[in-house]
Every structure is written in structure tokens, then in C-alpha cells.
Protein backbone atom coordinates (compact mmCIF):
# COMPACT_ATOMS: atom_id res chain seq x y z
CA MET A 1 -53.08 19.54 -55.22
CA GLU A 2 -50.62 22.41 -55.35
CA ASN A 3 -51.06 23.04 -51.58
CA LYS A 4 -50.41 19.34 -50.88
CA SER A 5 -47.17 19.40 -52.95
CA THR A 6 -46.08 22.53 -51.16
CA LYS A 7 -46.62 20.89 -47.76
CA ILE A 8 -44.60 17.81 -48.79
CA LEU A 9 -41.78 20.03 -50.04
CA MET A 10 -41.75 21.97 -46.76
CA VAL A 11 -41.54 18.73 -44.75
CA ILE A 12 -38.61 17.51 -46.88
CA VAL A 13 -36.81 20.83 -46.42
CA ALA A 14 -37.43 20.71 -42.66
CA ILE A 15 -35.99 17.16 -42.47
CA LEU A 16 -32.92 18.25 -44.43
CA VAL A 17 -32.39 21.26 -42.16
CA ILE A 18 -32.63 19.08 -39.02
CA ALA A 19 -30.30 16.44 -40.46
CA THR A 20 -27.76 19.11 -41.44
CA GLY A 21 -27.93 20.57 -37.95
CA VAL A 22 -27.35 17.17 -36.32
CA LEU A 23 -24.36 16.42 -38.55
CA PHE A 24 -22.93 19.88 -37.85
CA ALA A 25 -23.33 19.35 -34.08
CA VAL A 26 -21.63 15.95 -34.26
CA LYS A 27 -18.75 17.50 -36.23
CA ILE A 28 -18.27 20.23 -33.59
CA ILE A 29 -18.33 17.71 -30.73
CA ARG A 30 -15.81 15.40 -32.41
CA GLU A 31 -13.50 18.34 -33.08
CA LYS A 32 -13.72 19.38 -29.41
CA ASN A 33 -12.83 15.84 -28.39
CA ASN A 34 -9.87 15.80 -30.78
CA GLY A 35 -11.40 13.14 -32.93
CA SER A 36 -11.74 10.59 -30.13
CA ASP A 37 -14.18 7.75 -30.61
CA GLU A 38 -16.53 8.75 -27.82
CA VAL A 39 -20.06 7.44 -27.73
CA ILE A 40 -22.58 10.17 -28.54
CA SER A 41 -26.23 9.62 -27.82
CA LEU A 42 -28.74 11.07 -30.22
CA GLY A 43 -31.68 9.34 -28.61
CA THR A 44 -33.22 10.04 -25.23
CA GLU A 45 -30.02 11.66 -23.85
CA LYS A 46 -29.15 15.24 -24.60
CA LEU A 47 -27.07 15.83 -27.68
CA GLY A 48 -23.46 16.34 -26.65
CA LYS A 49 -20.57 14.57 -25.10
CA GLY A 50 -21.69 11.13 -24.06
CA LYS A 51 -20.16 8.62 -21.70
CA LYS A 52 -16.76 7.37 -22.71
CA GLU A 53 -16.54 3.66 -23.11
CA ASN A 54 -14.20 2.41 -20.41
CA ASN A 55 -12.45 -0.73 -21.53
CA LYS A 56 -9.87 -0.57 -18.74
CA GLU A 57 -10.22 -3.21 -16.06
CA GLU A 58 -10.27 -2.06 -12.47
CA LYS A 59 -7.00 -2.63 -10.64
CA SER A 60 -7.03 -5.46 -8.15
CA ILE A 61 -4.79 -6.28 -5.20
CA THR A 62 -2.04 -8.72 -6.18
CA THR A 63 0.02 -8.93 -2.98
CA PHE A 64 -2.68 -10.65 -0.93
CA SER A 65 -5.32 -12.63 -2.80
CA GLY A 66 -6.88 -16.06 -2.98
CA THR A 67 -7.68 -18.56 -0.24
CA ASP A 68 -4.35 -20.34 0.11
CA ARG A 69 -3.40 -20.32 3.77
CA PRO A 70 -0.17 -18.42 4.46
CA ILE A 71 2.94 -20.09 5.81
CA ALA A 72 5.20 -18.18 8.20
CA VAL A 73 8.84 -19.26 8.13
CA MET A 74 11.48 -18.33 10.70
CA ILE A 75 14.52 -17.03 8.78
CA ASP A 76 18.05 -16.79 10.14
CA ASN A 77 19.42 -13.23 9.96
CA HIS A 78 22.92 -13.86 11.33
CA LYS A 79 25.72 -12.62 9.08
CA SER A 80 26.77 -16.25 8.53
CA ALA A 81 23.28 -17.02 7.19
CA MET A 82 23.32 -14.34 4.51
CA PRO A 83 22.23 -14.24 1.79
CA GLN A 84 18.82 -15.75 2.47
CA SER A 85 16.44 -17.34 0.00
CA GLY A 86 12.84 -16.34 -0.73
CA LEU A 87 12.49 -12.93 0.95
CA ASN A 88 11.31 -11.20 -2.24
CA ASP A 89 8.46 -13.72 -2.55
CA ALA A 90 7.10 -13.00 0.92
CA TYR A 91 4.15 -10.61 1.22
CA ILE A 92 5.29 -9.60 4.70
CA VAL A 93 8.63 -10.04 6.45
CA TYR A 94 8.82 -9.31 10.18
CA GLU A 95 12.14 -8.49 11.83
CA MET A 96 12.52 -8.63 15.63
CA ILE A 97 15.28 -8.60 18.19
CA VAL A 98 16.54 -11.88 19.67
CA GLU A 99 19.31 -12.71 22.12
CA GLY A 100 22.81 -11.28 21.74
CA GLY A 101 21.65 -8.16 19.91
CA GLU A 102 20.88 -10.21 16.80
CA THR A 103 17.59 -10.14 14.90
CA ARG A 104 15.55 -12.88 13.30
CA LEU A 105 13.08 -12.69 10.42
CA MET A 106 9.72 -14.31 9.84
CA ALA A 107 8.69 -14.41 6.19
CA LEU A 108 5.06 -14.97 5.19
CA PHE A 109 4.21 -16.64 1.89
CA LYS A 110 0.78 -17.05 0.31
CA GLY A 111 0.12 -19.10 -2.80
CA LYS A 112 3.82 -19.35 -3.67
CA THR A 113 5.75 -22.34 -4.98
CA LEU A 114 9.37 -22.07 -3.90
CA ASP A 115 12.05 -24.75 -4.15
CA LYS A 116 14.19 -23.22 -1.43
CA ILE A 117 13.41 -21.10 1.64
CA GLY A 118 15.90 -20.34 4.34
CA PRO A 119 18.11 -20.62 6.22
CA ILE A 120 15.40 -21.64 8.71
CA ARG A 121 16.01 -21.12 12.43
CA SER A 122 14.33 -21.85 15.74
CA SER A 123 11.19 -20.29 17.15
CA ARG A 124 10.93 -17.43 19.62
CA HIS A 125 7.58 -17.10 21.39
CA TYR A 126 6.70 -13.51 20.41
CA PHE A 127 6.88 -14.33 16.69
CA LEU A 128 3.84 -16.57 17.28
CA ASP A 129 1.69 -13.47 17.82
CA TYR A 130 2.24 -12.42 14.22
CA ALA A 131 1.88 -15.89 12.74
CA LEU A 132 -1.47 -16.13 14.53
CA GLU A 133 -2.77 -12.76 13.34
CA ASN A 134 -2.02 -13.86 9.76
CA ASP A 135 -3.64 -17.31 10.34
CA ALA A 136 -0.39 -18.82 9.09
CA ILE A 137 1.09 -22.29 9.41
CA TYR A 138 4.20 -21.62 11.49
CA VAL A 139 7.49 -23.16 10.30
CA HIS A 140 10.65 -23.33 12.41
CA TYR A 141 13.73 -25.45 13.04
CA GLY A 142 13.76 -26.04 16.78
CA TRP A 143 12.37 -23.81 19.53
CA SER A 144 13.07 -22.04 22.78
CA PRO A 145 11.39 -23.43 25.95
CA GLN A 146 8.89 -20.53 26.00
CA ALA A 147 8.08 -20.96 22.29
CA GLN A 148 7.54 -24.70 22.73
CA SER A 149 5.16 -24.05 25.63
CA ASP A 150 3.24 -21.30 23.82
CA ILE A 151 2.84 -23.31 20.61
CA THR A 152 0.98 -25.92 22.63
CA LYS A 153 -0.94 -23.43 24.80
CA LEU A 154 -2.08 -21.27 21.87
CA GLY A 155 -2.83 -24.19 19.56
CA VAL A 156 -0.46 -23.00 16.84
CA ASN A 157 -0.41 -25.08 13.67
CA ASN A 158 3.32 -25.59 13.39
CA VAL A 159 5.91 -27.54 11.41
CA ASN A 160 9.17 -28.18 13.26
CA GLY A 161 11.83 -29.04 10.71
CA LEU A 162 14.11 -30.39 13.40
CA VAL A 163 11.96 -33.50 13.77
CA GLU A 164 10.99 -33.91 10.11
CA SER A 165 12.67 -35.99 7.41
CA THR A 166 15.99 -34.75 6.01
CA SER A 167 14.43 -35.00 2.58
CA ASP A 168 11.86 -32.37 3.61
CA PHE A 169 14.26 -30.15 5.58
CA TRP A 170 17.89 -30.42 4.54
CA ARG A 171 21.17 -28.64 5.12
CA ALA A 172 22.73 -26.72 2.24
CA LYS A 173 26.38 -27.52 1.61
CA ASP A 174 27.52 -23.96 0.86
CA LYS A 175 26.87 -22.77 4.44
CA SER A 176 27.73 -24.14 7.86
CA ALA A 177 25.34 -25.32 10.57
CA PRO A 178 23.30 -23.96 12.24
CA HIS A 179 22.92 -21.40 9.45
CA ASN A 180 22.06 -23.75 6.57
CA ALA A 181 18.72 -25.53 7.16
CA VAL A 182 16.31 -25.08 4.23
CA SER A 183 13.03 -26.44 2.88
CA ALA A 184 10.55 -26.00 0.02
CA THR A 185 6.92 -24.90 0.06
CA LYS A 186 5.67 -28.22 -1.36
CA ASN A 187 7.40 -30.11 1.47
CA ILE A 188 5.98 -27.80 4.12
CA LEU A 189 2.45 -28.01 2.75
CA SER A 190 2.67 -31.80 2.42
CA ILE A 191 3.67 -32.10 6.09
CA ALA A 192 0.92 -29.65 7.11
CA GLU A 193 -1.69 -31.65 5.21
CA ALA A 194 -0.51 -34.90 6.85
CA LYS A 195 -0.91 -33.22 10.25
CA GLY A 196 -4.51 -32.36 9.36
CA TYR A 197 -4.01 -28.61 9.17
CA ASN A 198 -6.38 -26.57 7.05
CA LEU A 199 -4.58 -25.41 3.91
CA LYS A 200 -7.20 -22.78 3.10
CA SER A 201 -7.99 -19.54 4.92
CA ASP A 202 -10.53 -16.75 4.54
CA LYS A 203 -8.73 -14.49 7.01
CA LYS A 204 -8.48 -10.93 5.72
CA SER A 205 -5.12 -9.27 5.30
CA VAL A 206 -3.52 -7.61 8.32
CA LEU A 207 -2.67 -4.65 6.09
CA ASN A 208 -5.23 -2.41 4.39
CA TYR A 209 -3.96 -2.73 0.82
CA VAL A 210 -5.25 -0.42 -1.90
CA ALA A 211 -4.75 -0.74 -5.64
CA GLU A 212 -4.18 2.94 -6.38
CA ASP A 213 -0.72 4.26 -5.59
CA VAL A 214 -0.42 5.78 -2.11
CA ASN A 215 1.71 8.93 -1.94
CA LEU A 216 1.96 10.16 1.62
CA GLU A 217 1.31 13.81 2.39
CA SER A 218 4.25 14.40 4.68
CA GLU A 219 7.21 16.69 5.10
CA GLN A 220 9.31 13.75 6.27
CA VAL A 221 11.39 12.67 3.29
CA ALA A 222 12.46 9.03 3.51
CA ASN A 223 14.77 8.43 0.57
CA LYS A 224 17.28 6.83 2.89
CA PHE A 225 16.87 5.75 6.50
CA SER A 226 18.28 3.34 9.05
CA ILE A 227 17.04 1.46 12.13
CA LYS A 228 19.58 0.56 14.79
CA TYR A 229 18.45 -2.59 16.60
CA SER A 230 21.69 -2.97 18.52
CA ASP A 231 25.41 -2.30 18.27
CA TYR A 232 25.59 -5.46 16.13
CA ASN A 233 22.68 -4.90 13.83
CA THR A 234 21.51 -1.88 11.87
CA VAL A 235 19.12 -2.28 8.96
CA SER A 236 18.78 0.45 6.34
CA TYR A 237 16.81 1.18 3.19
CA THR A 238 17.53 3.29 0.12
CA TYR A 239 14.71 4.42 -2.17
CA ASP A 240 14.90 3.70 -5.90
CA SER A 241 12.62 6.40 -7.31
CA GLU A 242 12.54 4.80 -10.75
CA ALA A 243 11.39 1.38 -9.50
CA LYS A 244 9.44 3.00 -6.62
CA LYS A 245 10.86 0.43 -4.22
CA TYR A 246 13.37 0.37 -1.37
CA LEU A 247 16.60 -1.62 -1.50
CA ARG A 248 17.43 -3.27 1.80
CA TYR A 249 20.79 -3.29 3.60
CA SER A 250 21.84 -5.20 6.71
CA ARG A 251 25.07 -4.33 8.52
CA LYS A 252 25.88 -1.90 5.67
CA THR A 253 25.70 -4.73 3.11
CA LYS A 254 23.13 -4.75 0.32
CA GLN A 255 20.97 -7.84 0.70
CA ILE A 256 20.55 -10.19 -2.24
CA ASP A 257 18.81 -13.52 -2.77
CA TRP A 258 20.86 -16.63 -2.05
CA ASP A 259 20.23 -18.21 -5.47
CA THR A 260 18.86 -15.61 -7.87
CA LYS A 261 21.24 -12.86 -6.67
CA GLU A 262 18.38 -10.38 -7.06
CA GLU A 263 18.47 -7.40 -4.72
CA VAL A 264 16.11 -7.68 -1.76
CA PHE A 265 13.50 -4.92 -1.98
CA ALA A 266 10.44 -3.57 -0.19
CA LYS A 267 7.51 -1.50 -1.40
CA ASN A 268 6.46 -0.61 2.15
CA ILE A 269 8.20 -0.46 5.50
CA ILE A 270 6.37 -0.28 8.83
CA ILE A 271 8.32 0.46 12.01
CA THR A 272 6.90 -0.39 15.44
CA PHE A 273 8.71 0.57 18.65
CA VAL A 274 8.33 -2.13 21.32
CA LYS A 275 10.01 -2.58 24.69
CA ASN A 276 12.11 -5.75 24.95
CA THR A 277 13.47 -7.30 28.14
CA THR A 278 15.56 -10.36 28.97
CA LEU A 279 13.45 -13.45 29.58
CA ASN A 280 14.07 -15.69 32.56
CA ASP A 281 13.49 -19.08 30.97
CA GLY A 282 15.95 -21.02 33.11
CA GLU A 283 18.60 -21.35 30.42
CA ASN A 284 20.44 -18.02 30.93
CA LYS A 285 20.94 -17.47 27.21
CA GLY A 286 19.72 -13.90 27.18
CA ARG A 287 16.56 -14.66 25.21
CA GLN A 288 14.15 -11.76 24.92
CA THR A 289 10.45 -11.08 25.43
CA LEU A 290 8.43 -8.21 23.92
CA ASP A 291 5.80 -5.94 25.42
CA ASN A 292 3.87 -5.79 22.16
CA ILE A 293 0.22 -5.84 23.29
CA GLY A 294 -1.43 -2.41 23.33
CA THR A 295 -0.84 0.74 21.31
CA ARG A 296 2.71 1.46 20.18
CA ASP A 297 4.34 4.26 18.18
CA GLY A 298 5.70 3.77 14.71
CA TYR A 299 6.18 4.92 11.14
CA TYR A 300 4.72 3.99 7.77
CA ILE A 301 7.16 4.52 4.91
CA THR A 302 6.51 4.24 1.18
CA ASN A 303 7.37 6.03 -2.07
CA GLY A 304 10.05 8.20 -0.46
CA LYS A 305 7.95 9.62 2.38
CA ALA A 306 7.22 8.69 6.00
CA ILE A 307 4.38 9.40 8.42
CA LYS A 308 4.06 8.71 12.14
CA ILE A 309 1.51 6.04 13.03
CA LYS A 310 0.00 4.13 15.95
CA CYS A 311 0.19 0.33 15.99
CA GLU A 312 -2.68 -1.26 17.94
CA LYS A 313 -2.68 -4.93 18.95
CA LYS A 314 -5.30 -5.96 21.52
CA SER A 315 -4.22 -9.55 22.10
CA ARG A 316 -1.74 -12.13 20.87
CA LYS A 317 -4.17 -13.55 18.34
CA GLU A 318 -5.85 -10.31 17.19
CA GLN A 319 -4.63 -8.51 14.11
CA THR A 320 -2.53 -5.39 14.51
CA VAL A 321 -4.27 -2.27 13.19
CA TYR A 322 -2.01 0.47 11.87
CA LYS A 323 -3.52 3.96 12.14
CA ASP A 324 -2.46 7.46 11.20
CA MET A 325 -2.33 10.21 13.83
CA GLN A 326 -5.97 11.09 13.09
CA GLY A 327 -7.08 7.58 14.02
CA ASN A 328 -7.74 6.31 10.49
CA GLU A 329 -6.45 2.93 9.36
CA ILE A 330 -3.60 3.62 6.95
CA LYS A 331 -3.86 2.68 3.30
CA VAL A 332 -0.95 0.50 2.26
CA ASN A 333 0.51 0.27 -1.23
CA ASP A 334 -0.02 -3.02 -3.04
CA GLY A 335 3.39 -4.62 -2.66
CA ASN A 336 5.62 -6.46 -0.22
CA THR A 337 6.16 -5.06 3.27
CA PHE A 338 8.92 -5.32 5.85
CA ILE A 339 7.57 -4.80 9.38
CA GLN A 340 10.44 -3.69 11.60
CA ILE A 341 9.47 -4.38 15.21
CA CYS A 342 12.42 -2.72 16.90
CA PRO A 343 13.47 -1.87 20.49
CA ILE A 344 11.63 1.10 21.97
CA ASP A 345 14.87 3.08 22.14
CA ALA A 346 16.07 2.09 18.65
CA LYS A 347 17.55 5.03 16.76
CA VAL A 348 15.73 5.68 13.48
CA SER A 349 17.61 8.12 11.25
CA PHE A 350 16.24 9.72 8.09
CA GLU A 351 18.60 11.20 5.51
């Protein structure tokens, strides 16, 4: 009987010793983790620091998401057209040379509801290449002869405001024609639906967006830089390190939104050097054409740094692929992008 009591006592003592050891180990681990509420497994896993519960949701891309089909709107960039409306809501804005040393913009919107976009101007045929690679409904106010022909030949889903109702495309009273034609996204989409165009798209983004912040490993500082398209038009950007965005200037004037007066900004800027020549379209107006199919040199600029890139476009309808000098597709920061398709001899100056 005495031996049995002794055995029971020894078992109790052993249990107490083990329990004390476990509590002591837990105390040491919690102290090492500065009292954090980490999950510690005392079961099948080894005693020690367990897996931290991760309640943070993974970041997702916000610039390009959903299945709403993009709309690509031709935007007047003449000094008489400024300021424009809607540029900050576009996920991509393309800028290209047109006749007379001027440039024109094409702003792409996806899943946006905007009461005013513009001023809207006429089509030029090489802008179609970039509307097509984004699978966008193409919006313009008139067209050049080559653009009119190519829209038909390439089967571009287009909305020509020049022939639509003045309630859908109207002229603003605070600017003069031809720099004052505007529309709204609901009007554009309503016209597109009536024409039988698909309003949904599963086309992937042209740009390889990533959720985590991209900081380029480069010696080329790009806190301020300019792109000279012509003697009449130089665009420049200044980096705001606090907001981690670039403010945009045209002809040495800071660009703002027509209605909100917000500063026009860009998270990313892509520069592509492309040869332009005067087009013989029978009208002798000096309209241009671009040699944009193939591999072209360029820059990717974000977060105050710039790297040299290659811009590859195999056909008018195929998406441009932007690669670093090692041949890898570049990772692009989640945010709006201005794609500056400039003359091959355009002077790009970094400060």
C-alpha cells in the first residue's frame, strides 16, 4: 500500500515538474517576442515560436481590374484646350506628335463614371494601334482621311462625336471651338451599346502591374525631367517624393483639371522613341505617321528613378511589351501611367 502511494506521489510530482517547465518555456518565448500575441503550438509541433497569425489582406491591383471594357478618348492638347478634364481618372494616357509640332492625347478609362471628359478632338490613324492593344472602344470627334480608312479596315469599335447628338457630345461655353467638345462616360457607353459593341472585356492589361512598390535599381535619378516633342511643345515632370507621384507640366505650365483644379499627376512614365514622318494623304496639312511596329528604345520612370527599356510591338493589334535591358518584362507600379511616344530625336533631359 505504501509503495502504491509512493508511486502516485511520484507521478504527481512529475506532472507538476513538466507543467512548471512548460509554463517557464512559454514565459521565455513571450518575453523574447516582446509580449506579442503569437500562436504557440504545444501539440504536435515543436515547442517554440509558432506561426504568426496574418490578418493582413494581400494587396491587389487597383489601377486595372474588373471586366468593364476600356474606352479610349482622343483629348485635345493645344494650349487653347487646356486645362483638360478627366486625365487623373485615366489608367493610361498616351501622348503623340501630330501636325504642326503639336501633340494629342488619348486617355483610357476603365470602370469610371465621369460627367465630363475633354476637350475631345479628331482621330489620327496611329492612335488606333494603342486603342486596339487595350481592346478599347475608341472615341473621337472627327477624323483624318487615313484614320477614317483604318477604322473601317481594322474593324475598330468607334464612337464619332461629330455625328452624334449634341446632347451626348456638346460644346462647353468657357472655351472656343474646336477646343471645347466634351462628353460623359454614360453617354459614350450608351451609344456603344446601341451600336452593338461589347461592353465587357477579358483582355489583360498592357502593363505588368505589381502590388508591391517598385523602386528601380538605377543610377539615373529622375526627380525632374523633360521631353521636347518640338519647338512648340515640351512636356516635363517633377517628382513629389512625399506623394510618390510626378506632377505634369506642358509648355512650362503646371497642368490641372478643368473642373476640379486638381494637379495632373502620374505614378509612372514610359517614354518610347519612334520615328515620325509627314503623311501624304492628299490634303497637305502636314499630318504625321509613325514607324511604331518593331522594337524601339525608351525609358521607364517611377519613384524618382529611370531605367532604359526596349518597347516591342509586333503588329498594330498586338500589345506592346516593355522590357528591361536584360530582356525581362518590367514590373510597373500600381498607378496611372503616361506613355510618351515621342519623336526619335526628341531631347530627353534629366535634372
